[in-house]
Amino acid sequence: MQDEDESPRALGYTLGDDLSRLSVGDLEALAARLRAEADRVDTERRRKENAIGGAAALFKN
């Protein structure tokens, strides 16, 4: 589990917030965290797509 200091919320940021108040370093850190989260979401989406595909193949036969 992540430390609270490592989350986007620790920067005082939620999706859609104004980015102009963040420093360049904060923006870089936020971008890295958001990319990691996007990767995590994509991994879960692929896992679910594979499960659905497996179930569909089972019922086709």
Protein backbone atom coordinates (compact mmCIF):
# COMPACT_ATOMS: atom_id res chain seq x y z
CA MET A 1 0.00 0.00 0.00
CA GLN A 2 1.23 3.52 -0.76
CA ASP A 3 2.21 5.99 1.90
CA GLU A 4 -0.14 8.94 2.03
CA ASP A 5 2.80 11.19 1.08
CA GLU A 6 3.10 9.38 -2.25
CA SER A 7 -0.49 9.85 -3.42
CA PRO A 8 -1.72 12.62 -5.73
CA ARG A 9 -4.01 13.70 -2.88
CA ALA A 10 -0.89 14.33 -0.74
CA LEU A 11 -0.02 17.06 -3.23
CA GLY A 12 -3.44 18.55 -2.59
CA TYR A 13 -4.58 17.47 -6.05
CA THR A 14 -7.67 15.72 -7.33
CA LEU A 15 -8.50 15.11 -10.98
CA GLY A 16 -9.60 18.31 -12.67
CA ASP A 17 -7.98 20.66 -10.14
CA ASP A 18 -6.09 23.77 -11.21
CA LEU A 19 -2.48 22.81 -11.90
CA SER A 20 -1.08 26.34 -11.96
CA ARG A 21 -0.35 26.34 -8.22
CA LEU A 22 1.90 23.26 -8.40
CA SER A 23 5.66 23.59 -8.83
CA VAL A 24 7.52 21.97 -11.70
CA GLY A 25 8.74 19.26 -9.33
CA ASP A 26 5.24 18.64 -8.04
CA LEU A 27 3.92 18.43 -11.61
CA GLU A 28 6.63 15.91 -12.53
CA ALA A 29 5.85 13.82 -9.46
CA LEU A 30 2.12 14.00 -10.14
CA ALA A 31 2.61 13.01 -13.79
CA ALA A 32 4.68 9.98 -12.73
CA ARG A 33 2.02 8.92 -10.22
CA LEU A 34 -0.76 9.36 -12.75
CA ARG A 35 1.15 7.30 -15.35
CA ALA A 36 1.63 4.53 -12.77
CA GLU A 37 -2.08 4.64 -11.93
CA ALA A 38 -3.02 4.55 -15.63
CA ASP A 39 -0.80 1.46 -16.03
CA ARG A 40 -2.52 -0.16 -13.05
CA VAL A 41 -5.96 0.59 -14.53
CA ASP A 42 -4.93 -0.81 -17.93
CA THR A 43 -3.59 -3.99 -16.32
CA GLU A 44 -6.88 -4.56 -14.51
CA ARG A 45 -8.88 -3.82 -17.67
CA ARG A 46 -6.84 -6.38 -19.63
CA ARG A 47 -7.29 -8.94 -16.84
CA LYS A 48 -11.05 -8.50 -16.99
CA GLU A 49 -11.13 -8.60 -20.79
CA ASN A 50 -9.20 -11.88 -20.71
CA ALA A 51 -11.63 -13.33 -18.17
CA ILE A 52 -14.61 -12.30 -20.30
CA GLY A 53 -12.96 -13.76 -23.40
CA GLY A 54 -12.31 -17.03 -21.58
CA ALA A 55 -15.89 -17.25 -20.40
CA ALA A 56 -17.21 -16.48 -23.89
CA ALA A 57 -15.01 -19.19 -25.39
CA LEU A 58 -16.27 -21.69 -22.82
CA PHE A 59 -19.91 -21.08 -23.73
CA LYS A 60 -19.30 -21.16 -27.51
CA ASN A 61 -18.32 -24.82 -27.41
